[in-house]
């Protein structure tokens, strides 16, 4: 007799299913959980709070505004807050007095925050309590510098003629000829140098010593004496004169008379220029021809001749110790029968 033992609830099919189920559970337990973990999508970067220039304002864009847009909105709101409160952060003290500095500054900050919130920003405002700027007085001016030995020129008063015992003069001008000198010589130029001495300021009388040099071109009357074609005469010498200053109303100008004696010397140089035949050389050849040459010359120097003179002058002050003058004199050589007469007209300066 065959005996079969049956276990309750056991069957071959059921045991196979349980084995498969247990294997799957063990496999799942051995698999790392990270294999099934999903990486979350990257989140958008959060906009950081941007501090403003004034009043401790922290501004955060609500709608992703760019930094350029924030700068434009902030500039617009700063101008609006300035117009509403009268406070200008760009000025010293905000353009407000020390008494109402803090109040105006807080009102400006609140107005700026309200404007930025209206443009779509989160604004945090903390009203600062700061002392108003100190209004320091300007530094005192430096003490004046003492000036010593300063020569002040007063231009409100014109220069005056003042007494100086000694003076030096330089002059020049034109000498006209007359009498015998006028027949033989043309008028010519002159230059001179001299000095004067007035012994005392109580008397308007002084002494002058003048030296001069004159140059004259010869006329035909002198050239024809020896069939000369050209020539000139030099005259040099000096005068010792007495000068009398005339009474004058103005202290800037005066008239004066002068006269005295002198000694002069005349040097005459006459030449005869003729065309002579000879060898003439050019750039590339030489040949016979005519050319000008000095064929005769006469040079004479007179003895020292005595002379007398008299004249009139006008002197005008131009500086403290300088004056301008113009004068004319009549000069005649002795003896008077020689009729050698000259009229020098000179302008110059005295120092």
C-alpha atoms as a PDB file:
ATOM      1  CA  UNK A   1       0.000   0.000   0.000  1.00  0.00           C
ATOM      2  CA  UNK A   2       1.427   3.209  -1.027  1.00  0.00           C
ATOM      3  CA  UNK A   3       1.226   6.069   1.440  1.00  0.00           C
ATOM      4  CA  UNK A   4       1.162   9.719   0.152  1.00  0.00           C
ATOM      5  CA  UNK A   5       1.826  12.578   2.512  1.00  0.00           C
ATOM      6  CA  UNK A   6       0.439  15.951   1.377  1.00  0.00           C
ATOM      7  CA  UNK A   7       1.493  19.219   2.970  1.00  0.00           C
ATOM      8  CA  UNK A   8      -1.300  21.556   3.397  1.00  0.00           C
ATOM      9  CA  UNK A   9      -1.017  24.615   1.128  1.00  0.00           C
ATOM     10  CA  UNK A  10       1.924  23.299  -0.860  1.00  0.00           C
ATOM     11  CA  UNK A  11       2.003  22.560  -4.499  1.00  0.00           C
ATOM     12  CA  UNK A  12       4.803  22.402  -7.025  1.00  0.00           C
ATOM     13  CA  UNK A  13       3.417  25.333  -9.036  1.00  0.00           C
ATOM     14  CA  UNK A  14       3.001  27.435  -5.961  1.00  0.00           C
ATOM     15  CA  UNK A  15       6.515  26.808  -4.815  1.00  0.00           C
ATOM     16  CA  UNK A  16       7.945  27.919  -8.176  1.00  0.00           C
ATOM     17  CA  UNK A  17       6.072  31.247  -8.061  1.00  0.00           C
ATOM     18  CA  UNK A  18       7.285  31.946  -4.560  1.00  0.00           C
ATOM     19  CA  UNK A  19      10.855  31.302  -5.578  1.00  0.00           C
ATOM     20  CA  UNK A  20      10.620  33.792  -8.487  1.00  0.00           C
ATOM     21  CA  UNK A  21       9.011  36.438  -6.287  1.00  0.00           C
ATOM     22  CA  UNK A  22      11.697  36.101  -3.640  1.00  0.00           C
ATOM     23  CA  UNK A  23      14.433  36.418  -6.256  1.00  0.00           C
ATOM     24  CA  UNK A  24      12.964  39.681  -7.603  1.00  0.00           C
ATOM     25  CA  UNK A  25      12.728  41.128  -4.111  1.00  0.00           C
ATOM     26  CA  UNK A  26      16.379  40.285  -3.399  1.00  0.00           C
ATOM     27  CA  UNK A  27      17.424  41.869  -6.752  1.00  0.00           C
ATOM     28  CA  UNK A  28      15.588  45.041  -5.999  1.00  0.00           C
ATOM     29  CA  UNK A  29      17.137  45.295  -2.605  1.00  0.00           C
ATOM     30  CA  UNK A  30      20.640  44.873  -4.008  1.00  0.00           C
ATOM     31  CA  UNK A  31      20.181  47.650  -6.669  1.00  0.00           C
ATOM     32  CA  UNK A  32      21.397  51.152  -5.457  1.00  0.00           C
ATOM     33  CA  UNK A  33      18.673  53.683  -4.986  1.00  0.00           C
ATOM     34  CA  UNK A  34      20.675  56.306  -6.862  1.00  0.00           C
ATOM     35  CA  UNK A  35      20.060  54.466 -10.088  1.00  0.00           C
ATOM     36  CA  UNK A  36      16.431  55.449  -9.905  1.00  0.00           C
ATOM     37  CA  UNK A  37      16.984  58.958  -8.519  1.00  0.00           C
ATOM     38  CA  UNK A  38      16.036  61.715 -10.939  1.00  0.00           C
ATOM     39  CA  UNK A  39      18.197  64.859 -11.107  1.00  0.00           C
ATOM     40  CA  UNK A  40      15.969  67.866 -10.531  1.00  0.00           C
ATOM     41  CA  UNK A  41      15.962  70.432 -13.351  1.00  0.00           C
ATOM     42  CA  UNK A  42      18.250  73.426 -12.827  1.00  0.00           C
ATOM     43  CA  UNK A  43      16.395  76.255 -11.241  1.00  0.00           C
ATOM     44  CA  UNK A  44      16.656  79.803 -12.564  1.00  0.00           C
ATOM     45  CA  UNK A  45      19.236  81.949 -10.719  1.00  0.00           C
ATOM     46  CA  UNK A  46      17.711  84.159  -8.134  1.00  0.00           C
ATOM     47  CA  UNK A  47      18.261  87.874  -8.612  1.00  0.00           C
ATOM     48  CA  UNK A  48      20.406  89.216  -5.824  1.00  0.00           C
ATOM     49  CA  UNK A  49      19.452  92.378  -4.033  1.00  0.00           C
ATOM     50  CA  UNK A  50      21.175  95.419  -5.529  1.00  0.00           C
ATOM     51  CA  UNK A  51      21.975  98.285  -3.157  1.00  0.00           C
ATOM     52  CA  UNK A  52      21.237 101.762  -4.482  1.00  0.00           C
ATOM     53  CA  UNK A  53      23.496 104.767  -4.296  1.00  0.00           C
ATOM     54  CA  UNK A  54      21.505 106.614  -1.657  1.00  0.00           C
ATOM     55  CA  UNK A  55      19.733 105.989   1.635  1.00  0.00           C
ATOM     56  CA  UNK A  56      20.560 102.301   2.303  1.00  0.00           C
ATOM     57  CA  UNK A  57      18.017 101.007  -0.207  1.00  0.00           C
ATOM     58  CA  UNK A  58      18.183  97.328  -1.152  1.00  0.00           C
ATOM     59  CA  UNK A  59      16.430  96.813  -4.514  1.00  0.00           C
ATOM     60  CA  UNK A  60      15.486  93.387  -5.950  1.00  0.00           C
ATOM     61  CA  UNK A  61      13.814  93.073  -9.385  1.00  0.00           C
ATOM     62  CA  UNK A  62      10.391  91.399  -9.280  1.00  0.00           C
ATOM     63  CA  UNK A  63      10.125  90.571 -12.970  1.00  0.00           C
ATOM     64  CA  UNK A  64      13.713  89.808 -13.918  1.00  0.00           C
ATOM     65  CA  UNK A  65      14.664  93.336 -14.951  1.00  0.00           C
ATOM     66  CA  UNK A  66      18.243  93.678 -16.224  1.00  0.00           C
ATOM     67  CA  UNK A  67      20.902  95.780 -14.590  1.00  0.00           C
ATOM     68  CA  UNK A  68      20.607  98.311 -17.416  1.00  0.00           C
ATOM     69  CA  UNK A  69      16.882  98.668 -16.811  1.00  0.00           C
ATOM     70  CA  UNK A  70      17.472  98.981 -13.065  1.00  0.00           C
ATOM     71  CA  UNK A  71      20.015 101.780 -13.652  1.00  0.00           C
ATOM     72  CA  UNK A  72      17.585 103.653 -15.915  1.00  0.00           C
ATOM     73  CA  UNK A  73      14.687 103.304 -13.463  1.00  0.00           C
ATOM     74  CA  UNK A  74      16.859 104.314 -10.543  1.00  0.00           C
ATOM     75  CA  UNK A  75      18.045 107.486 -12.339  1.00  0.00           C
ATOM     76  CA  UNK A  76      14.437 108.400 -13.192  1.00  0.00           C
ATOM     77  CA  UNK A  77      13.314 107.838  -9.596  1.00  0.00           C
ATOM     78  CA  UNK A  78      16.198 109.842  -8.182  1.00  0.00           C
ATOM     79  CA  UNK A  79      15.193 112.835 -10.293  1.00  0.00           C
ATOM     80  CA  UNK A  80      11.551 112.455  -9.217  1.00  0.00           C
ATOM     81  CA  UNK A  81      12.464 112.171  -5.536  1.00  0.00           C
ATOM     82  CA  UNK A  82      14.666 115.271  -5.831  1.00  0.00           C
ATOM     83  CA  UNK A  83      11.829 117.291  -7.361  1.00  0.00           C
ATOM     84  CA  UNK A  84       9.383 116.149  -4.662  1.00  0.00           C
ATOM     85  CA  UNK A  85      11.557 116.764  -1.608  1.00  0.00           C
ATOM     86  CA  UNK A  86      14.047 119.429  -2.682  1.00  0.00           C
ATOM     87  CA  UNK A  87      16.926 117.268  -1.462  1.00  0.00           C
ATOM     88  CA  UNK A  88      19.906 116.820  -3.829  1.00  0.00           C
ATOM     89  CA  UNK A  89      22.511 114.238  -2.723  1.00  0.00           C
ATOM     90  CA  UNK A  90      24.985 115.624  -5.275  1.00  0.00           C
ATOM     91  CA  UNK A  91      25.256 118.912  -3.358  1.00  0.00           C
ATOM     92  CA  UNK A  92      27.024 119.560  -0.078  1.00  0.00           C
ATOM     93  CA  UNK A  93      24.385 119.056   2.609  1.00  0.00           C
ATOM     94  CA  UNK A  94      21.827 118.090  -0.028  1.00  0.00           C
ATOM     95  CA  UNK A  95      21.001 121.756  -0.541  1.00  0.00           C
ATOM     96  CA  UNK A  96      19.365 121.850   2.906  1.00  0.00           C
ATOM     97  CA  UNK A  97      20.295 123.693   6.043  1.00  0.00           C
ATOM     98  CA  UNK A  98      21.738 121.941   9.106  1.00  0.00           C
ATOM     99  CA  UNK A  99      18.393 122.118  10.968  1.00  0.00           C
ATOM    100  CA  UNK A 100      16.305 120.157   8.468  1.00  0.00           C
ATOM    101  CA  UNK A 101      19.041 118.010   6.907  1.00  0.00           C
ATOM    102  CA  UNK A 102      17.971 114.689   8.476  1.00  0.00           C
ATOM    103  CA  UNK A 103      14.265 115.228   7.777  1.00  0.00           C
ATOM    104  CA  UNK A 104      14.768 116.052   4.123  1.00  0.00           C
ATOM    105  CA  UNK A 105      17.156 113.178   3.639  1.00  0.00           C
ATOM    106  CA  UNK A 106      14.656 110.661   5.066  1.00  0.00           C
ATOM    107  CA  UNK A 107      11.832 112.058   2.937  1.00  0.00           C
ATOM    108  CA  UNK A 108      14.047 111.790  -0.122  1.00  0.00           C
ATOM    109  CA  UNK A 109      14.790 108.131   0.657  1.00  0.00           C
ATOM    110  CA  UNK A 110      11.118 107.283   1.144  1.00  0.00           C
ATOM    111  CA  UNK A 111      10.165 108.979  -2.103  1.00  0.00           C
ATOM    112  CA  UNK A 112      12.908 107.082  -3.935  1.00  0.00           C
ATOM    113  CA  UNK A 113      11.747 103.750  -2.451  1.00  0.00           C
ATOM    114  CA  UNK A 114       8.104 104.399  -3.395  1.00  0.00           C
ATOM    115  CA  UNK A 115       9.055 105.224  -6.967  1.00  0.00           C
ATOM    116  CA  UNK A 116      11.146 102.051  -7.359  1.00  0.00           C
ATOM    117  CA  UNK A 117       8.348  99.889  -5.960  1.00  0.00           C
ATOM    118  CA  UNK A 118       6.013 101.426  -8.526  1.00  0.00           C
ATOM    119  CA  UNK A 119       8.463 100.334 -11.255  1.00  0.00           C
ATOM    120  CA  UNK A 120       8.316  96.678 -10.164  1.00  0.00           C
ATOM    121  CA  UNK A 121      11.023  96.249  -7.531  1.00  0.00           C
ATOM    122  CA  UNK A 122      11.133  94.955  -3.980  1.00  0.00           C
ATOM    123  CA  UNK A 123      12.632  97.738  -1.921  1.00  0.00           C
ATOM    124  CA  UNK A 124      13.841  97.621   1.662  1.00  0.00           C
ATOM    125  CA  UNK A 125      14.478 101.000   3.217  1.00  0.00           C
ATOM    126  CA  UNK A 126      16.153 101.847   6.508  1.00  0.00           C
ATOM    127  CA  UNK A 127      16.166 105.547   7.241  1.00  0.00           C
ATOM    128  CA  UNK A 128      19.671 106.500   8.382  1.00  0.00           C
ATOM    129  CA  UNK A 129      20.135 108.810  11.271  1.00  0.00           C
ATOM    130  CA  UNK A 130      23.240 110.765  10.461  1.00  0.00           C
ATOM    131  CA  UNK A 131      24.512 114.083  11.533  1.00  0.00           C
ATOM    132  CA  UNK A 132      24.259 116.904   9.017  1.00  0.00           C
ATOM    133  CA  UNK A 133      27.468 117.950   7.302  1.00  0.00           C
ATOM    134  CA  UNK A 134      29.631 120.366   9.145  1.00  0.00           C
ATOM    135  CA  UNK A 135      29.782 123.806   7.575  1.00  0.00           C
ATOM    136  CA  UNK A 136      33.315 124.896   8.292  1.00  0.00           C
ATOM    137  CA  UNK A 137      34.235 128.521   7.990  1.00  0.00           C
ATOM    138  CA  UNK A 138      36.752 129.392   5.253  1.00  0.00           C
ATOM    139  CA  UNK A 139      40.320 129.805   6.445  1.00  0.00           C
ATOM    140  CA  UNK A 140      41.346 133.355   7.241  1.00  0.00           C
ATOM    141  CA  UNK A 141      43.334 135.164   4.554  1.00  0.00           C
ATOM    142  CA  UNK A 142      47.098 135.180   4.983  1.00  0.00           C
ATOM    143  CA  UNK A 143      48.565 138.238   6.613  1.00  0.00           C
ATOM    144  CA  UNK A 144      49.727 140.929   4.210  1.00  0.00           C
ATOM    145  CA  UNK A 145      53.348 140.769   3.209  1.00  0.00           C
ATOM    146  CA  UNK A 146      55.285 143.837   4.153  1.00  0.00           C
ATOM    147  CA  UNK A 147      56.900 145.416   1.100  1.00  0.00           C
ATOM    148  CA  UNK A 148      60.077 147.345   1.578  1.00  0.00           C
ATOM    149  CA  UNK A 149      62.026 149.487  -0.817  1.00  0.00           C
ATOM    150  CA  UNK A 150      59.297 149.489  -3.455  1.00  0.00           C
ATOM    151  CA  UNK A 151      59.483 152.271  -6.018  1.00  0.00           C
ATOM    152  CA  UNK A 152      55.946 153.319  -6.897  1.00  0.00           C
ATOM    153  CA  UNK A 153      55.574 155.120 -10.212  1.00  0.00           C
ATOM    154  CA  UNK A 154      52.746 157.601 -10.268  1.00  0.00           C
ATOM    155  CA  UNK A 155      51.446 157.788 -13.834  1.00  0.00           C
ATOM    156  CA  UNK A 156      48.731 160.273 -12.958  1.00  0.00           C
ATOM    157  CA  UNK A 157      51.240 163.159 -13.091  1.00  0.00           C
ATOM    158  CA  UNK A 158      53.375 163.885 -16.184  1.00  0.00           C
ATOM    159  CA  UNK A 159      57.181 164.074 -15.805  1.00  0.00           C
ATOM    160  CA  UNK A 160      58.694 167.424 -14.913  1.00  0.00           C
ATOM    161  CA  UNK A 161      61.930 169.232 -15.645  1.00  0.00           C
ATOM    162  CA  UNK A 162      63.975 169.194 -12.448  1.00  0.00           C
ATOM    163  CA  UNK A 163      67.274 170.706 -11.547  1.00  0.00           C
ATOM    164  CA  UNK A 164      70.300 168.500 -12.188  1.00  0.00           C
ATOM    165  CA  UNK A 165      73.769 170.061 -12.149  1.00  0.00           C
ATOM    166  CA  UNK A 166      75.153 167.845 -14.911  1.00  0.00           C
ATOM    167  CA  UNK A 167      73.531 166.451 -18.050  1.00  0.00           C
ATOM    168  CA  UNK A 168      74.751 164.602 -21.147  1.00  0.00           C
ATOM    169  CA  UNK A 169      73.130 164.977 -24.558  1.00  0.00           C
ATOM    170  CA  UNK A 170      73.191 163.173 -27.909  1.00  0.00           C
ATOM    171  CA  UNK A 171      71.738 164.762 -31.027  1.00  0.00           C
ATOM    172  CA  UNK A 172      71.599 164.710 -34.794  1.00  0.00           C
ATOM    173  CA  UNK A 173      69.865 166.472 -37.637  1.00  0.00           C
ATOM    174  CA  UNK A 174      70.355 168.606 -40.735  1.00  0.00           C
ATOM    175  CA  UNK A 175      72.721 171.512 -41.441  1.00  0.00           C
ATOM    176  CA  UNK A 176      71.695 174.120 -43.989  1.00  0.00           C
ATOM    177  CA  UNK A 177      74.369 176.182 -45.747  1.00  0.00           C
ATOM    178  CA  UNK A 178      74.235 179.861 -46.611  1.00  0.00           C
ATOM    179  CA  UNK A 179      76.607 182.616 -47.748  1.00  0.00           C
ATOM    180  CA  UNK A 180      79.799 181.353 -49.344  1.00  0.00           C
ATOM    181  CA  UNK A 181      79.203 177.893 -47.895  1.00  0.00           C
ATOM    182  CA  UNK A 182      75.837 177.838 -49.628  1.00  0.00           C
ATOM    183  CA  UNK A 183      77.434 178.634 -52.981  1.00  0.00           C
ATOM    184  CA  UNK A 184      79.898 175.765 -52.764  1.00  0.00           C
ATOM    185  CA  UNK A 185      78.187 173.126 -50.630  1.00  0.00           C
ATOM    186  CA  UNK A 186      74.775 171.475 -50.407  1.00  0.00           C
ATOM    187  CA  UNK A 187      73.064 170.976 -47.077  1.00  0.00           C
ATOM    188  CA  UNK A 188      74.052 167.834 -45.182  1.00  0.00           C
ATOM    189  CA  UNK A 189      73.524 165.748 -42.091  1.00  0.00           C
ATOM    190  CA  UNK A 190      75.110 166.177 -38.663  1.00  0.00           C
ATOM    191  CA  UNK A 191      75.582 164.285 -35.406  1.00  0.00           C
ATOM    192  CA  UNK A 192      76.719 165.575 -32.054  1.00  0.00           C
ATOM    193  CA  UNK A 193      77.558 164.840 -28.424  1.00  0.00           C
ATOM    194  CA  UNK A 194      77.822 167.226 -25.493  1.00  0.00           C
ATOM    195  CA  UNK A 195      77.310 167.930 -21.799  1.00  0.00           C
ATOM    196  CA  UNK A 196      76.080 170.826 -19.733  1.00  0.00           C
ATOM    197  CA  UNK A 197      76.734 172.190 -16.229  1.00  0.00           C
ATOM    198  CA  UNK A 198      74.421 174.377 -14.163  1.00  0.00           C
ATOM    199  CA  UNK A 199      76.285 175.434 -11.017  1.00  0.00           C
ATOM    200  CA  UNK A 200      73.229 176.327  -8.942  1.00  0.00           C
ATOM    201  CA  UNK A 201      69.475 175.943  -9.052  1.00  0.00           C
ATOM    202  CA  UNK A 202      69.042 179.562  -7.961  1.00  0.00           C
ATOM    203  CA  UNK A 203      70.147 180.873 -11.380  1.00  0.00           C
ATOM    204  CA  UNK A 204      68.835 179.644 -14.791  1.00  0.00           C
ATOM    205  CA  UNK A 205      72.297 179.969 -16.340  1.00  0.00           C
ATOM    206  CA  UNK A 206      74.585 177.092 -17.301  1.00  0.00           C
ATOM    207  CA  UNK A 207      77.505 176.195 -19.527  1.00  0.00           C
ATOM    208  CA  UNK A 208      77.472 173.868 -22.530  1.00  0.00           C
ATOM    209  CA  UNK A 209      80.194 172.098 -24.471  1.00  0.00           C
ATOM    210  CA  UNK A 210      79.079 170.525 -27.752  1.00  0.00           C
ATOM    211  CA  UNK A 211      81.015 168.572 -30.369  1.00  0.00           C
ATOM    212  CA  UNK A 212      79.625 167.899 -33.846  1.00  0.00           C
ATOM    213  CA  UNK A 213      80.429 166.351 -37.205  1.00  0.00           C
ATOM    214  CA  UNK A 214      78.786 167.431 -40.505  1.00  0.00           C
ATOM    215  CA  UNK A 215      79.009 166.116 -44.044  1.00  0.00           C
ATOM    216  CA  UNK A 216      78.270 168.158 -47.226  1.00  0.00           C
ATOM    217  CA  UNK A 217      78.226 167.350 -50.949  1.00  0.00           C
ATOM    218  CA  UNK A 218      80.176 169.715 -53.214  1.00  0.00           C
ATOM    219  CA  UNK A 219      78.289 171.883 -55.706  1.00  0.00           C
ATOM    220  CA  UNK A 220      79.364 172.720 -59.253  1.00  0.00           C
ATOM    221  CA  UNK A 221      80.908 176.052 -58.194  1.00  0.00           C
ATOM    222  CA  UNK A 222      83.450 174.192 -56.074  1.00  0.00           C
ATOM    223  CA  UNK A 223      83.953 171.339 -58.555  1.00  0.00           C
ATOM    224  CA  UNK A 224      84.646 173.703 -61.446  1.00  0.00           C
ATOM    225  CA  UNK A 225      87.667 175.174 -59.700  1.00  0.00           C
ATOM    226  CA  UNK A 226      89.700 172.191 -60.833  1.00  0.00           C
ATOM    227  CA  UNK A 227      87.477 170.478 -63.391  1.00  0.00           C
ATOM    228  CA  UNK A 228      86.420 167.941 -60.793  1.00  0.00           C
ATOM    229  CA  UNK A 229      83.402 165.671 -61.217  1.00  0.00           C
ATOM    230  CA  UNK A 230      82.588 164.792 -57.610  1.00  0.00           C
ATOM    231  CA  UNK A 231      83.530 165.763 -54.090  1.00  0.00           C
ATOM    232  CA  UNK A 232      82.415 166.442 -50.523  1.00  0.00           C
ATOM    233  CA  UNK A 233      83.468 168.379 -47.460  1.00  0.00           C
ATOM    234  CA  UNK A 234      83.597 167.212 -43.835  1.00  0.00           C
ATOM    235  CA  UNK A 235      83.360 169.710 -40.996  1.00  0.00           C
ATOM    236  CA  UNK A 236      84.085 168.827 -37.380  1.00  0.00           C
ATOM    237  CA  UNK A 237      84.657 170.793 -34.223  1.00  0.00           C
ATOM    238  CA  UNK A 238      82.918 172.084 -31.108  1.00  0.00           C
ATOM    239  CA  UNK A 239      81.384 175.037 -29.262  1.00  0.00           C
ATOM    240  CA  UNK A 240      81.562 176.409 -25.741  1.00  0.00           C
ATOM    241  CA  UNK A 241      78.266 178.173 -25.034  1.00  0.00           C
ATOM    242  CA  UNK A 242      76.316 179.819 -22.262  1.00  0.00           C
ATOM    243  CA  UNK A 243      72.680 178.706 -21.912  1.00  0.00           C
ATOM    244  CA  UNK A 244      69.909 180.812 -20.395  1.00  0.00           C
ATOM    245  CA  UNK A 245      66.669 179.044 -19.480  1.00  0.00           C
ATOM    246  CA  UNK A 246      63.693 181.336 -20.005  1.00  0.00           C
ATOM    247  CA  UNK A 247      60.836 181.662 -17.553  1.00  0.00           C
ATOM    248  CA  UNK A 248      58.079 179.136 -18.261  1.00  0.00           C
ATOM    249  CA  UNK A 249      54.619 178.410 -16.902  1.00  0.00           C
ATOM    250  CA  UNK A 250      54.736 174.649 -17.336  1.00  0.00           C
ATOM    251  CA  UNK A 251      57.141 172.524 -15.319  1.00  0.00           C
ATOM    252  CA  UNK A 252      57.315 170.039 -18.187  1.00  0.00           C
ATOM    253  CA  UNK A 253      58.684 172.271 -21.000  1.00  0.00           C
ATOM    254  CA  UNK A 254      60.920 175.303 -21.325  1.00  0.00           C
ATOM    255  CA  UNK A 255      62.512 177.559 -23.936  1.00  0.00           C
ATOM    256  CA  UNK A 256      66.178 178.480 -23.717  1.00  0.00           C
ATOM    257  CA  UNK A 257      68.716 180.703 -25.465  1.00  0.00           C
ATOM    258  CA  UNK A 258      72.360 179.855 -25.976  1.00  0.00           C
ATOM    259  CA  UNK A 259      75.412 181.278 -27.690  1.00  0.00           C
ATOM    260  CA  UNK A 260      79.201 181.247 -27.606  1.00  0.00           C
ATOM    261  CA  UNK A 261      82.352 180.550 -29.543  1.00  0.00           C
ATOM    262  CA  UNK A 262      83.848 177.501 -31.201  1.00  0.00           C
ATOM    263  CA  UNK A 263      86.581 176.032 -33.322  1.00  0.00           C
ATOM    264  CA  UNK A 264      86.093 174.006 -36.484  1.00  0.00           C
ATOM    265  CA  UNK A 265      88.070 172.347 -39.208  1.00  0.00           C
ATOM    266  CA  UNK A 266      87.104 171.741 -42.831  1.00  0.00           C
ATOM    267  CA  UNK A 267      88.342 168.815 -44.891  1.00  0.00           C
ATOM    268  CA  UNK A 268      87.619 168.910 -48.635  1.00  0.00           C
ATOM    269  CA  UNK A 269      87.949 165.915 -50.949  1.00  0.00           C
ATOM    270  CA  UNK A 270      87.511 166.530 -54.710  1.00  0.00           C
ATOM    271  CA  UNK A 271      87.898 163.906 -57.467  1.00  0.00           C
ATOM    272  CA  UNK A 272      88.024 163.901 -61.227  1.00  0.00           C
ATOM    273  CA  UNK A 273      86.626 160.759 -62.870  1.00  0.00           C
ATOM    274  CA  UNK A 274      87.279 160.261 -66.618  1.00  0.00           C
ATOM    275  CA  UNK A 275      86.831 157.479 -69.142  1.00  0.00           C
ATOM    276  CA  UNK A 276      90.225 156.186 -70.210  1.00  0.00           C
ATOM    277  CA  UNK A 277      91.300 153.741 -72.911  1.00  0.00           C
ATOM    278  CA  UNK A 278      92.757 150.487 -71.759  1.00  0.00           C
ATOM    279  CA  UNK A 279      92.305 146.768 -71.439  1.00  0.00           C
ATOM    280  CA  UNK A 280      88.844 145.758 -70.285  1.00  0.00           C
ATOM    281  CA  UNK A 281      88.244 142.215 -69.104  1.00  0.00           C
ATOM    282  CA  UNK A 282      84.876 140.551 -69.017  1.00  0.00           C
ATOM    283  CA  UNK A 283      83.795 137.120 -67.865  1.00  0.00           C
ATOM    284  CA  UNK A 284      85.392 135.216 -70.738  1.00  0.00           C
ATOM    285  CA  UNK A 285      87.797 137.561 -72.514  1.00  0.00           C
ATOM    286  CA  UNK A 286      89.863 140.756 -72.283  1.00  0.00           C
ATOM    287  CA  UNK A 287      90.041 143.469 -74.889  1.00  0.00           C
ATOM    288  CA  UNK A 288      90.585 147.145 -75.575  1.00  0.00           C
ATOM    289  CA  UNK A 289      87.918 149.537 -74.273  1.00  0.00           C
ATOM    290  CA  UNK A 290      87.045 152.544 -72.110  1.00  0.00           C
ATOM    291  CA  UNK A 291      86.378 152.455 -68.390  1.00  0.00           C
ATOM    292  CA  UNK A 292      85.956 155.124 -65.653  1.00  0.00           C
ATOM    293  CA  UNK A 293      88.983 155.922 -63.544  1.00  0.00           C
ATOM    294  CA  UNK A 294      90.024 158.623 -61.051  1.00  0.00           C
ATOM    295  CA  UNK A 295      92.360 160.809 -63.038  1.00  0.00           C
ATOM    296  CA  UNK A 296      92.781 163.648 -60.513  1.00  0.00           C
ATOM    297  CA  UNK A 297      92.161 164.085 -56.786  1.00  0.00           C
ATOM    298  CA  UNK A 298      92.538 167.034 -54.432  1.00  0.00           C
ATOM    299  CA  UNK A 299      92.309 166.643 -50.660  1.00  0.00           C
ATOM    300  CA  UNK A 300      92.807 169.681 -48.433  1.00  0.00           C
ATOM    301  CA  UNK A 301      92.366 170.264 -44.695  1.00  0.00           C
ATOM    302  CA  UNK A 302      92.034 173.751 -43.294  1.00  0.00           C
ATOM    303  CA  UNK A 303      93.523 175.096 -40.085  1.00  0.00           C
ATOM    304  CA  UNK A 304      91.372 175.335 -36.968  1.00  0.00           C
ATOM    305  CA  UNK A 305      88.930 178.124 -37.693  1.00  0.00           C
ATOM    306  CA  UNK A 306      87.309 180.301 -35.062  1.00  0.00           C
ATOM    307  CA  UNK A 307      83.540 180.648 -35.111  1.00  0.00           C
ATOM    308  CA  UNK A 308      80.684 182.116 -33.126  1.00  0.00           C
ATOM    309  CA  UNK A 309      77.088 180.910 -32.794  1.00  0.00           C
ATOM    310  CA  UNK A 310      73.735 181.776 -31.252  1.00  0.00           C
ATOM    311  CA  UNK A 311      70.551 179.756 -31.089  1.00  0.00           C
ATOM    312  CA  UNK A 312      67.163 178.921 -29.575  1.00  0.00           C
ATOM    313  CA  UNK A 313      65.888 175.610 -28.214  1.00  0.00           C
ATOM    314  CA  UNK A 314      62.849 173.893 -26.732  1.00  0.00           C
ATOM    315  CA  UNK A 315      63.177 171.156 -24.091  1.00  0.00           C
ATOM    316  CA  UNK A 316      60.381 168.790 -22.948  1.00  0.00           C
ATOM    317  CA  UNK A 317      60.586 166.299 -20.059  1.00  0.00           C
ATOM    318  CA  UNK A 318      59.920 162.659 -21.010  1.00  0.00           C
ATOM    319  CA  UNK A 319      61.045 160.923 -17.778  1.00  0.00           C
ATOM    320  CA  UNK A 320      62.440 161.651 -14.361  1.00  0.00           C
ATOM    321  CA  UNK A 321      65.937 162.369 -15.651  1.00  0.00           C
ATOM    322  CA  UNK A 322      65.433 162.444 -19.426  1.00  0.00           C
ATOM    323  CA  UNK A 323      64.209 165.168 -21.772  1.00  0.00           C
ATOM    324  CA  UNK A 324      63.752 165.678 -25.494  1.00  0.00           C
ATOM    325  CA  UNK A 325      64.974 168.843 -27.184  1.00  0.00           C
ATOM    326  CA  UNK A 326      65.004 170.535 -30.563  1.00  0.00           C
ATOM    327  CA  UNK A 327      67.187 173.535 -31.316  1.00  0.00           C
ATOM    328  CA  UNK A 328      68.553 175.616 -34.159  1.00  0.00           C
ATOM    329  CA  UNK A 329      71.600 177.845 -34.176  1.00  0.00           C
ATOM    330  CA  UNK A 330      73.320 180.273 -36.485  1.00  0.00           C
ATOM    331  CA  UNK A 331      77.015 179.437 -36.986  1.00  0.00           C
ATOM    332  CA  UNK A 332      79.518 181.675 -38.800  1.00  0.00           C
ATOM    333  CA  UNK A 333      83.244 181.256 -39.257  1.00  0.00           C
ATOM    334  CA  UNK A 334      85.654 184.088 -38.545  1.00  0.00           C
ATOM    335  CA  UNK A 335      86.579 186.394 -40.052  1.00  0.00           C
ATOM    336  CA  UNK A 336      83.063 187.450 -40.929  1.00  0.00           C
ATOM    337  CA  UNK A 337      84.256 188.527 -44.377  1.00  0.00           C
ATOM    338  CA  UNK A 338      84.607 184.863 -45.327  1.00  0.00           C
ATOM    339  CA  UNK A 339      80.801 184.598 -45.303  1.00  0.00           C
ATOM    340  CA  UNK A 340      80.965 180.893 -44.361  1.00  0.00           C
ATOM    341  CA  UNK A 341      77.615 180.451 -42.653  1.00  0.00           C
ATOM    342  CA  UNK A 342      75.755 177.382 -41.460  1.00  0.00           C
ATOM    343  CA  UNK A 343      72.415 176.744 -39.746  1.00  0.00           C
ATOM    344  CA  UNK A 344      72.472 173.395 -37.849  1.00  0.00           C
ATOM    345  CA  UNK A 345      69.048 172.081 -36.784  1.00  0.00           C
ATOM    346  CA  UNK A 346      69.289 169.267 -34.244  1.00  0.00           C
ATOM    347  CA  UNK A 347      67.018 167.038 -32.184  1.00  0.00           C
ATOM    348  CA  UNK A 348      68.198 164.863 -29.330  1.00  0.00           C
ATOM    349  CA  UNK A 349      67.895 163.681 -25.745  1.00  0.00           C
ATOM    350  CA  UNK A 350      69.438 164.843 -22.475  1.00  0.00           C
ATOM    351  CA  UNK A 351      70.078 162.546 -19.539  1.00  0.00           C
END
